[in-house]
Amino acid sequence: MNDATTRFPLDDPSGTSVLPGTITVAERASTSRMIANALRTAIVDGTLAPGAPLRQDAIARHFSVSAIPVREALRQLESEGWAKVEMHKGATVAPLSADEAREIYEIRAALESLAIGLAIPAHTQASLRHSEALCKAASAEADPSLYVARNEAFHMSLYEPAARPQLFEMIGVLHRRGERYLRLKFGLPAYKGESDREHAALLKAVRRHDVAAAQALVTGHLLGTGELLYRFLCENAEAICAGTPSTTRKPRAKRERAPTGS
């Protein structure tokens, strides 16, 4: 197990900081949210590995704040599934879970199939051009952090014309919950190409106003990713828990591999 899983990186003896510095005056009105966002980013990009302690005192010192906004930030992260809080043990980064990864994509498949069916009749030429631009941006992106954001932007642009704010919000929460799982795919470069092709096919179906085809494509696209991540995490659980996903192997292919979108 590496250092990231045994101590909070802000306590690094070298003094090197891995999170944004002290919060500005303008940001203090939403201090707990800003702390939660910084910690979430560090979890997603792997700086804070699964099992890493999230010590209130270290976080408070780093941001020059009291314990109150830190506790609020940790409660927010716990409610979102990023942190695990245990009595007498404090908070730690939640472990990666094959079951959770698959379930996130199963729920996304159901919700996004509904959303795209509602959105297609309301799409305009302008909204389709916007989706096309986002699709191309995601396809061209090689940086994992930027790809995750561009991938989400493309998907959400397909659903926005549905004008269902609660549905839109739920899908957005699931995208964020799935961020660190999606990043695992960047150790499997071949799958990004498949994902990009599936994005393009999905956009074509939306352009044709073909609701049935679009729903089938988005469902297969997401269920395929969930299954891919489930197999990847099951087969590489030991290495990932040790914080060394770069040494893991690609998942074994099934006889009929499902689509592997994101």
C-alpha atoms as a PDB file:
ATOM      1  CA  MET A   1       0.000   0.000   0.000  1.00  0.00           C
ATOM      2  CA  ASN A   2       1.483   3.371  -0.945  1.00  0.00           C
ATOM      3  CA  ASP A   3       1.744   6.541   1.155  1.00  0.00           C
ATOM      4  CA  ALA A   4      -1.426   8.012  -0.327  1.00  0.00           C
ATOM      5  CA  THR A   5      -3.504   5.371   1.425  1.00  0.00           C
ATOM      6  CA  THR A   6      -1.840   5.755   4.831  1.00  0.00           C
ATOM      7  CA  ARG A   7      -1.711   9.486   5.412  1.00  0.00           C
ATOM      8  CA  PHE A   8      -3.400  12.654   4.233  1.00  0.00           C
ATOM      9  CA  PRO A   9      -1.144  14.278   1.594  1.00  0.00           C
ATOM     10  CA  LEU A  10      -1.345  17.680   3.267  1.00  0.00           C
ATOM     11  CA  ASP A  11       0.867  16.174   5.984  1.00  0.00           C
ATOM     12  CA  ASP A  12       3.627  15.389   3.459  1.00  0.00           C
ATOM     13  CA  PRO A  13       6.962  16.130   5.238  1.00  0.00           C
ATOM     14  CA  SER A  14       8.260  17.752   2.072  1.00  0.00           C
ATOM     15  CA  GLY A  15       5.743  20.537   2.580  1.00  0.00           C
ATOM     16  CA  THR A  16       4.511  20.203  -0.978  1.00  0.00           C
ATOM     17  CA  SER A  17       0.814  21.011  -1.248  1.00  0.00           C
ATOM     18  CA  VAL A  18      -1.401  18.916  -3.506  1.00  0.00           C
ATOM     19  CA  LEU A  19      -4.587  20.958  -3.097  1.00  0.00           C
ATOM     20  CA  PRO A  20      -5.447  24.586  -3.821  1.00  0.00           C
ATOM     21  CA  GLY A  21      -4.161  27.050  -1.255  1.00  0.00           C
ATOM     22  CA  THR A  22      -6.014  29.161   1.288  1.00  0.00           C
ATOM     23  CA  ILE A  23      -9.452  30.347   0.293  1.00  0.00           C
ATOM     24  CA  THR A  24      -9.841  33.959  -0.812  1.00  0.00           C
ATOM     25  CA  VAL A  25     -12.157  36.418   0.900  1.00  0.00           C
ATOM     26  CA  ALA A  26     -14.605  36.206  -2.009  1.00  0.00           C
ATOM     27  CA  GLU A  27     -14.843  32.445  -1.584  1.00  0.00           C
ATOM     28  CA  ARG A  28     -15.428  32.397   2.156  1.00  0.00           C
ATOM     29  CA  ALA A  29     -19.221  32.639   1.737  1.00  0.00           C
ATOM     30  CA  SER A  30     -19.136  29.104   0.416  1.00  0.00           C
ATOM     31  CA  THR A  31     -16.132  27.774   2.302  1.00  0.00           C
ATOM     32  CA  SER A  32     -17.440  24.281   2.917  1.00  0.00           C
ATOM     33  CA  ARG A  33     -18.423  23.898  -0.740  1.00  0.00           C
ATOM     34  CA  MET A  34     -14.998  25.070  -1.908  1.00  0.00           C
ATOM     35  CA  ILE A  35     -13.257  22.607   0.444  1.00  0.00           C
ATOM     36  CA  ALA A  36     -15.510  19.788  -0.729  1.00  0.00           C
ATOM     37  CA  ASN A  37     -14.767  20.647  -4.370  1.00  0.00           C
ATOM     38  CA  ALA A  38     -10.995  20.661  -3.738  1.00  0.00           C
ATOM     39  CA  LEU A  39     -11.102  17.310  -1.960  1.00  0.00           C
ATOM     40  CA  ARG A  40     -13.376  15.821  -4.612  1.00  0.00           C
ATOM     41  CA  THR A  41     -10.941  16.890  -7.337  1.00  0.00           C
ATOM     42  CA  ALA A  42      -8.044  15.288  -5.464  1.00  0.00           C
ATOM     43  CA  ILE A  43     -10.035  12.056  -5.090  1.00  0.00           C
ATOM     44  CA  VAL A  44     -11.034  11.986  -8.746  1.00  0.00           C
ATOM     45  CA  ASP A  45      -7.509  12.560 -10.055  1.00  0.00           C
ATOM     46  CA  GLY A  46      -6.051   9.972  -7.694  1.00  0.00           C
ATOM     47  CA  THR A  47      -4.050  12.334  -5.470  1.00  0.00           C
ATOM     48  CA  LEU A  48      -6.175  11.085  -2.578  1.00  0.00           C
ATOM     49  CA  ALA A  49      -6.274   7.334  -3.040  1.00  0.00           C
ATOM     50  CA  PRO A  50      -9.001   4.991  -1.741  1.00  0.00           C
ATOM     51  CA  GLY A  51      -8.607   4.659   2.030  1.00  0.00           C
ATOM     52  CA  ALA A  52      -6.596   7.872   2.474  1.00  0.00           C
ATOM     53  CA  PRO A  53      -7.475   9.597   5.778  1.00  0.00           C
ATOM     54  CA  LEU A  54      -9.283  12.922   5.558  1.00  0.00           C
ATOM     55  CA  ARG A  55      -8.138  14.537   8.805  1.00  0.00           C
ATOM     56  CA  GLN A  56     -10.193  17.525   9.859  1.00  0.00           C
ATOM     57  CA  ASP A  57      -7.290  19.256  11.602  1.00  0.00           C
ATOM     58  CA  ALA A  58      -4.961  18.955   8.598  1.00  0.00           C
ATOM     59  CA  ILE A  59      -7.632  20.186   6.191  1.00  0.00           C
ATOM     60  CA  ALA A  60      -8.552  23.093   8.467  1.00  0.00           C
ATOM     61  CA  ARG A  61      -4.900  24.153   8.772  1.00  0.00           C
ATOM     62  CA  HIS A  62      -4.390  23.985   5.031  1.00  0.00           C
ATOM     63  CA  PHE A  63      -7.353  26.228   4.254  1.00  0.00           C
ATOM     64  CA  SER A  64      -6.914  28.407   7.357  1.00  0.00           C
ATOM     65  CA  VAL A  65     -10.462  27.774   8.520  1.00  0.00           C
ATOM     66  CA  SER A  66     -12.176  26.423  11.603  1.00  0.00           C
ATOM     67  CA  ALA A  67     -13.325  22.827  11.952  1.00  0.00           C
ATOM     68  CA  ILE A  68     -16.956  23.706  11.206  1.00  0.00           C
ATOM     69  CA  PRO A  69     -16.759  24.174   7.393  1.00  0.00           C
ATOM     70  CA  VAL A  70     -14.454  21.150   7.190  1.00  0.00           C
ATOM     71  CA  ARG A  71     -17.036  18.974   8.948  1.00  0.00           C
ATOM     72  CA  GLU A  72     -19.715  20.304   6.597  1.00  0.00           C
ATOM     73  CA  ALA A  73     -17.511  19.532   3.568  1.00  0.00           C
ATOM     74  CA  LEU A  74     -16.865  15.984   4.781  1.00  0.00           C
ATOM     75  CA  ARG A  75     -20.580  15.425   5.393  1.00  0.00           C
ATOM     76  CA  GLN A  76     -21.264  16.591   1.835  1.00  0.00           C
ATOM     77  CA  LEU A  77     -18.619  14.225   0.437  1.00  0.00           C
ATOM     78  CA  GLU A  78     -20.034  11.359   2.497  1.00  0.00           C
ATOM     79  CA  SER A  79     -23.553  12.000   1.183  1.00  0.00           C
ATOM     80  CA  GLU A  80     -22.186  11.956  -2.386  1.00  0.00           C
ATOM     81  CA  GLY A  81     -20.288   8.709  -1.835  1.00  0.00           C
ATOM     82  CA  TRP A  82     -16.773  10.166  -2.000  1.00  0.00           C
ATOM     83  CA  ALA A  83     -15.918   9.749   1.685  1.00  0.00           C
ATOM     84  CA  LYS A  84     -16.544   7.154   4.354  1.00  0.00           C
ATOM     85  CA  VAL A  85     -16.986   8.296   7.962  1.00  0.00           C
ATOM     86  CA  GLU A  86     -16.708   5.810  10.805  1.00  0.00           C
ATOM     87  CA  MET A  87     -17.189   6.353  14.528  1.00  0.00           C
ATOM     88  CA  HIS A  88     -13.846   6.747  16.365  1.00  0.00           C
ATOM     89  CA  LYS A  89     -11.949   6.386  13.064  1.00  0.00           C
ATOM     90  CA  GLY A  90     -12.765   9.622  11.278  1.00  0.00           C
ATOM     91  CA  ALA A  91     -13.186  10.151   7.542  1.00  0.00           C
ATOM     92  CA  THR A  92     -11.367   8.351   4.752  1.00  0.00           C
ATOM     93  CA  VAL A  93     -11.655   8.346   0.973  1.00  0.00           C
ATOM     94  CA  ALA A  94     -14.317   5.830  -0.036  1.00  0.00           C
ATOM     95  CA  PRO A  95     -12.985   2.685  -1.701  1.00  0.00           C
ATOM     96  CA  LEU A  96     -13.496   1.973  -5.378  1.00  0.00           C
ATOM     97  CA  SER A  97     -16.258  -0.590  -5.799  1.00  0.00           C
ATOM     98  CA  ALA A  98     -16.967  -2.760  -8.823  1.00  0.00           C
ATOM     99  CA  ASP A  99     -20.598  -3.081  -7.737  1.00  0.00           C
ATOM    100  CA  GLU A 100     -20.983   0.679  -7.328  1.00  0.00           C
ATOM    101  CA  ALA A 101     -19.430   1.373 -10.726  1.00  0.00           C
ATOM    102  CA  ARG A 102     -21.796  -1.000 -12.472  1.00  0.00           C
ATOM    103  CA  GLU A 103     -24.830   0.282 -10.575  1.00  0.00           C
ATOM    104  CA  ILE A 104     -24.041   3.928 -11.388  1.00  0.00           C
ATOM    105  CA  TYR A 105     -24.048   3.104 -15.096  1.00  0.00           C
ATOM    106  CA  GLU A 106     -27.175   0.953 -14.809  1.00  0.00           C
ATOM    107  CA  ILE A 107     -29.065   3.851 -13.239  1.00  0.00           C
ATOM    108  CA  ARG A 108     -27.607   6.285 -15.750  1.00  0.00           C
ATOM    109  CA  ALA A 109     -28.783   4.032 -18.595  1.00  0.00           C
ATOM    110  CA  ALA A 110     -32.361   4.142 -17.311  1.00  0.00           C
ATOM    111  CA  LEU A 111     -32.428   7.881 -16.625  1.00  0.00           C
ATOM    112  CA  GLU A 112     -30.584   8.960 -19.757  1.00  0.00           C
ATOM    113  CA  SER A 113     -32.755   6.785 -21.979  1.00  0.00           C
ATOM    114  CA  LEU A 114     -35.760   8.594 -20.532  1.00  0.00           C
ATOM    115  CA  ALA A 115     -34.094  11.984 -20.895  1.00  0.00           C
ATOM    116  CA  ILE A 116     -33.042  11.543 -24.504  1.00  0.00           C
ATOM    117  CA  GLY A 117     -36.527  10.368 -25.465  1.00  0.00           C
ATOM    118  CA  LEU A 118     -38.011  13.515 -23.930  1.00  0.00           C
ATOM    119  CA  ALA A 119     -35.353  15.781 -25.432  1.00  0.00           C
ATOM    120  CA  ILE A 120     -35.330  14.674 -29.079  1.00  0.00           C
ATOM    121  CA  PRO A 121     -38.627  16.351 -30.092  1.00  0.00           C
ATOM    122  CA  ALA A 122     -37.397  19.631 -28.578  1.00  0.00           C
ATOM    123  CA  HIS A 123     -33.965  19.705 -30.234  1.00  0.00           C
ATOM    124  CA  THR A 124     -33.308  22.538 -32.685  1.00  0.00           C
ATOM    125  CA  GLN A 125     -30.633  23.030 -35.313  1.00  0.00           C
ATOM    126  CA  ALA A 126     -28.814  25.294 -32.874  1.00  0.00           C
ATOM    127  CA  SER A 127     -28.885  22.752 -30.037  1.00  0.00           C
ATOM    128  CA  LEU A 128     -27.736  19.997 -32.399  1.00  0.00           C
ATOM    129  CA  ARG A 129     -24.823  22.116 -33.619  1.00  0.00           C
ATOM    130  CA  HIS A 130     -23.861  22.677 -29.985  1.00  0.00           C
ATOM    131  CA  SER A 131     -23.976  18.920 -29.264  1.00  0.00           C
ATOM    132  CA  GLU A 132     -21.917  18.218 -32.383  1.00  0.00           C
ATOM    133  CA  ALA A 133     -19.225  20.670 -31.281  1.00  0.00           C
ATOM    134  CA  LEU A 134     -19.076  19.046 -27.852  1.00  0.00           C
ATOM    135  CA  CYS A 135     -18.922  15.577 -29.409  1.00  0.00           C
ATOM    136  CA  LYS A 136     -15.929  16.605 -31.535  1.00  0.00           C
ATOM    137  CA  ALA A 137     -14.226  18.228 -28.539  1.00  0.00           C
ATOM    138  CA  ALA A 138     -14.567  15.037 -26.483  1.00  0.00           C
ATOM    139  CA  SER A 139     -13.266  12.914 -29.341  1.00  0.00           C
ATOM    140  CA  ALA A 140     -10.197  15.114 -29.779  1.00  0.00           C
ATOM    141  CA  GLU A 141      -9.389  15.354 -26.054  1.00  0.00           C
ATOM    142  CA  ALA A 142      -6.461  13.314 -24.736  1.00  0.00           C
ATOM    143  CA  ASP A 143      -6.194  14.740 -21.222  1.00  0.00           C
ATOM    144  CA  PRO A 144      -8.198  12.591 -18.744  1.00  0.00           C
ATOM    145  CA  SER A 145      -9.367  15.541 -16.629  1.00  0.00           C
ATOM    146  CA  LEU A 146     -10.584  17.506 -19.627  1.00  0.00           C
ATOM    147  CA  TYR A 147     -12.068  14.441 -21.309  1.00  0.00           C
ATOM    148  CA  VAL A 148     -14.259  13.668 -18.307  1.00  0.00           C
ATOM    149  CA  ALA A 149     -15.636  17.218 -18.391  1.00  0.00           C
ATOM    150  CA  ARG A 150     -16.138  17.214 -22.171  1.00  0.00           C
ATOM    151  CA  ASN A 151     -17.780  13.792 -22.051  1.00  0.00           C
ATOM    152  CA  GLU A 152     -20.284  15.011 -19.460  1.00  0.00           C
ATOM    153  CA  ALA A 153     -20.937  18.232 -21.395  1.00  0.00           C
ATOM    154  CA  PHE A 154     -21.738  16.252 -24.552  1.00  0.00           C
ATOM    155  CA  HIS A 155     -24.105  13.874 -22.799  1.00  0.00           C
ATOM    156  CA  MET A 156     -25.894  16.648 -20.920  1.00  0.00           C
ATOM    157  CA  SER A 157     -26.317  18.705 -24.104  1.00  0.00           C
ATOM    158  CA  LEU A 158     -28.359  15.834 -25.573  1.00  0.00           C
ATOM    159  CA  TYR A 159     -30.782  15.909 -22.638  1.00  0.00           C
ATOM    160  CA  GLU A 160     -31.052  19.631 -21.892  1.00  0.00           C
ATOM    161  CA  PRO A 161     -33.905  20.339 -24.376  1.00  0.00           C
ATOM    162  CA  ALA A 162     -36.114  17.944 -22.375  1.00  0.00           C
ATOM    163  CA  ALA A 163     -36.535  20.786 -19.834  1.00  0.00           C
ATOM    164  CA  ARG A 164     -36.736  18.384 -16.892  1.00  0.00           C
ATOM    165  CA  PRO A 165     -34.589  20.091 -14.232  1.00  0.00           C
ATOM    166  CA  GLN A 166     -34.901  17.388 -11.572  1.00  0.00           C
ATOM    167  CA  LEU A 167     -34.067  14.619 -14.031  1.00  0.00           C
ATOM    168  CA  PHE A 168     -31.161  16.707 -15.361  1.00  0.00           C
ATOM    169  CA  GLU A 169     -29.846  17.233 -11.814  1.00  0.00           C
ATOM    170  CA  MET A 170     -30.028  13.516 -10.960  1.00  0.00           C
ATOM    171  CA  ILE A 171     -28.114  12.604 -14.106  1.00  0.00           C
ATOM    172  CA  GLY A 172     -25.497  15.237 -13.275  1.00  0.00           C
ATOM    173  CA  VAL A 173     -24.996  13.775  -9.787  1.00  0.00           C
ATOM    174  CA  LEU A 174     -24.435  10.327 -11.284  1.00  0.00           C
ATOM    175  CA  HIS A 175     -21.916  11.718 -13.774  1.00  0.00           C
ATOM    176  CA  ARG A 176     -19.944  13.187 -10.895  1.00  0.00           C
ATOM    177  CA  ARG A 177     -20.197   9.942  -8.891  1.00  0.00           C
ATOM    178  CA  GLY A 178     -18.812   8.067 -11.871  1.00  0.00           C
ATOM    179  CA  GLU A 179     -15.893  10.417 -12.595  1.00  0.00           C
ATOM    180  CA  ARG A 180     -13.130   8.463 -10.912  1.00  0.00           C
ATOM    181  CA  TYR A 181     -14.388   5.214 -12.419  1.00  0.00           C
ATOM    182  CA  LEU A 182     -14.455   6.732 -15.907  1.00  0.00           C
ATOM    183  CA  ARG A 183     -10.815   7.783 -15.500  1.00  0.00           C
ATOM    184  CA  LEU A 184      -9.819   4.133 -15.155  1.00  0.00           C
ATOM    185  CA  LYS A 185     -10.616   3.731 -18.847  1.00  0.00           C
ATOM    186  CA  PHE A 186      -7.633   5.896 -19.708  1.00  0.00           C
ATOM    187  CA  GLY A 187      -5.441   2.935 -18.812  1.00  0.00           C
ATOM    188  CA  LEU A 188      -7.277   1.152 -21.656  1.00  0.00           C
ATOM    189  CA  PRO A 189      -6.723   3.442 -24.675  1.00  0.00           C
ATOM    190  CA  ALA A 190      -8.573   1.236 -27.186  1.00  0.00           C
ATOM    191  CA  TYR A 191     -11.850   1.777 -25.388  1.00  0.00           C
ATOM    192  CA  LYS A 192     -11.845   5.547 -25.865  1.00  0.00           C
ATOM    193  CA  GLY A 193     -12.016   5.051 -29.627  1.00  0.00           C
ATOM    194  CA  GLU A 194     -15.068   2.825 -29.210  1.00  0.00           C
ATOM    195  CA  SER A 195     -16.656   5.398 -26.942  1.00  0.00           C
ATOM    196  CA  ASP A 196     -16.048   8.181 -29.465  1.00  0.00           C
ATOM    197  CA  ARG A 197     -17.649   6.133 -32.253  1.00  0.00           C
ATOM    198  CA  GLU A 198     -20.672   5.416 -30.084  1.00  0.00           C
ATOM    199  CA  HIS A 199     -20.999   9.131 -29.300  1.00  0.00           C
ATOM    200  CA  ALA A 200     -21.062   9.879 -33.030  1.00  0.00           C
ATOM    201  CA  ALA A 201     -23.703   7.211 -33.701  1.00  0.00           C
ATOM    202  CA  LEU A 202     -25.832   8.518 -30.856  1.00  0.00           C
ATOM    203  CA  LEU A 203     -25.662  12.064 -32.185  1.00  0.00           C
ATOM    204  CA  LYS A 204     -26.727  10.855 -35.641  1.00  0.00           C
ATOM    205  CA  ALA A 205     -29.789   9.146 -34.160  1.00  0.00           C
ATOM    206  CA  VAL A 206     -30.728  12.338 -32.310  1.00  0.00           C
ATOM    207  CA  ARG A 207     -30.331  14.328 -35.538  1.00  0.00           C
ATOM    208  CA  ARG A 208     -32.702  11.898 -37.286  1.00  0.00           C
ATOM    209  CA  HIS A 209     -35.190  12.320 -34.433  1.00  0.00           C
ATOM    210  CA  ASP A 210     -35.089   8.530 -34.094  1.00  0.00           C
ATOM    211  CA  VAL A 211     -36.149   8.120 -30.474  1.00  0.00           C
ATOM    212  CA  ALA A 212     -36.050   4.301 -30.399  1.00  0.00           C
ATOM    213  CA  ALA A 213     -32.558   4.122 -31.926  1.00  0.00           C
ATOM    214  CA  ALA A 214     -31.203   6.870 -29.662  1.00  0.00           C
ATOM    215  CA  GLN A 215     -32.580   5.184 -26.552  1.00  0.00           C
ATOM    216  CA  ALA A 216     -31.144   1.824 -27.574  1.00  0.00           C
ATOM    217  CA  LEU A 217     -27.747   3.391 -28.309  1.00  0.00           C
ATOM    218  CA  VAL A 218     -27.478   5.346 -25.065  1.00  0.00           C
ATOM    219  CA  THR A 219     -28.605   2.323 -23.048  1.00  0.00           C
ATOM    220  CA  GLY A 220     -26.064  -0.001 -24.660  1.00  0.00           C
ATOM    221  CA  HIS A 221     -23.410   2.696 -24.465  1.00  0.00           C
ATOM    222  CA  LEU A 222     -23.788   3.082 -20.697  1.00  0.00           C
ATOM    223  CA  LEU A 223     -24.461  -0.527 -19.726  1.00  0.00           C
ATOM    224  CA  GLY A 224     -21.375  -1.501 -21.702  1.00  0.00           C
ATOM    225  CA  THR A 225     -19.214   0.925 -19.750  1.00  0.00           C
ATOM    226  CA  GLY A 226     -20.645  -0.304 -16.463  1.00  0.00           C
ATOM    227  CA  GLU A 227     -19.857  -3.894 -17.376  1.00  0.00           C
ATOM    228  CA  LEU A 228     -16.356  -2.968 -18.570  1.00  0.00           C
ATOM    229  CA  LEU A 229     -15.570  -1.146 -15.334  1.00  0.00           C
ATOM    230  CA  TYR A 230     -17.073  -3.933 -13.229  1.00  0.00           C
ATOM    231  CA  ARG A 231     -14.813  -6.528 -14.860  1.00  0.00           C
ATOM    232  CA  PHE A 232     -11.807  -4.226 -14.731  1.00  0.00           C
ATOM    233  CA  LEU A 233     -12.248  -3.561 -11.001  1.00  0.00           C
ATOM    234  CA  CYS A 234     -12.919  -7.201 -10.154  1.00  0.00           C
ATOM    235  CA  GLU A 235      -9.867  -8.423 -12.056  1.00  0.00           C
ATOM    236  CA  ASN A 236      -7.538  -5.696 -10.745  1.00  0.00           C
ATOM    237  CA  ALA A 237      -8.934  -5.054  -7.263  1.00  0.00           C
ATOM    238  CA  GLU A 238      -5.680  -5.758  -5.427  1.00  0.00           C
ATOM    239  CA  ALA A 239      -3.521  -3.431  -7.519  1.00  0.00           C
ATOM    240  CA  ILE A 240      -6.122  -0.638  -7.491  1.00  0.00           C
ATOM    241  CA  CYS A 241      -6.520  -0.815  -3.713  1.00  0.00           C
ATOM    242  CA  ALA A 242      -2.734  -0.522  -3.455  1.00  0.00           C
ATOM    243  CA  GLY A 243      -2.946   2.671  -5.507  1.00  0.00           C
ATOM    244  CA  THR A 244      -1.143   1.306  -8.567  1.00  0.00           C
ATOM    245  CA  PRO A 245      -3.787   1.135 -11.337  1.00  0.00           C
ATOM    246  CA  SER A 246      -1.128   1.761 -13.983  1.00  0.00           C
ATOM    247  CA  THR A 247       0.099  -1.801 -13.483  1.00  0.00           C
ATOM    248  CA  THR A 248      -3.298  -3.359 -14.060  1.00  0.00           C
ATOM    249  CA  ARG A 249      -4.308  -5.321 -17.113  1.00  0.00           C
ATOM    250  CA  LYS A 250      -7.217  -4.755 -19.459  1.00  0.00           C
ATOM    251  CA  PRO A 251     -10.375  -6.735 -18.689  1.00  0.00           C
ATOM    252  CA  ARG A 252     -10.888 -10.048 -20.419  1.00  0.00           C
ATOM    253  CA  ALA A 253     -13.173  -9.702 -23.407  1.00  0.00           C
ATOM    254  CA  LYS A 254     -16.482 -11.476 -23.441  1.00  0.00           C
ATOM    255  CA  ARG A 255     -17.621 -13.554 -26.376  1.00  0.00           C
ATOM    256  CA  GLU A 256     -19.867 -10.683 -27.378  1.00  0.00           C
ATOM    257  CA  ARG A 257     -18.474  -7.527 -25.879  1.00  0.00           C
ATOM    258  CA  ALA A 258     -21.066  -4.930 -25.047  1.00  0.00           C
ATOM    259  CA  PRO A 259     -20.646  -1.317 -26.210  1.00  0.00           C
ATOM    260  CA  THR A 260     -18.212   0.552 -23.988  1.00  0.00           C
ATOM    261  CA  GLY A 261     -19.207   4.173 -23.922  1.00  0.00           C
ATOM    262  CA  SER A 262     -18.973   6.636 -21.086  1.00  0.00           C
END
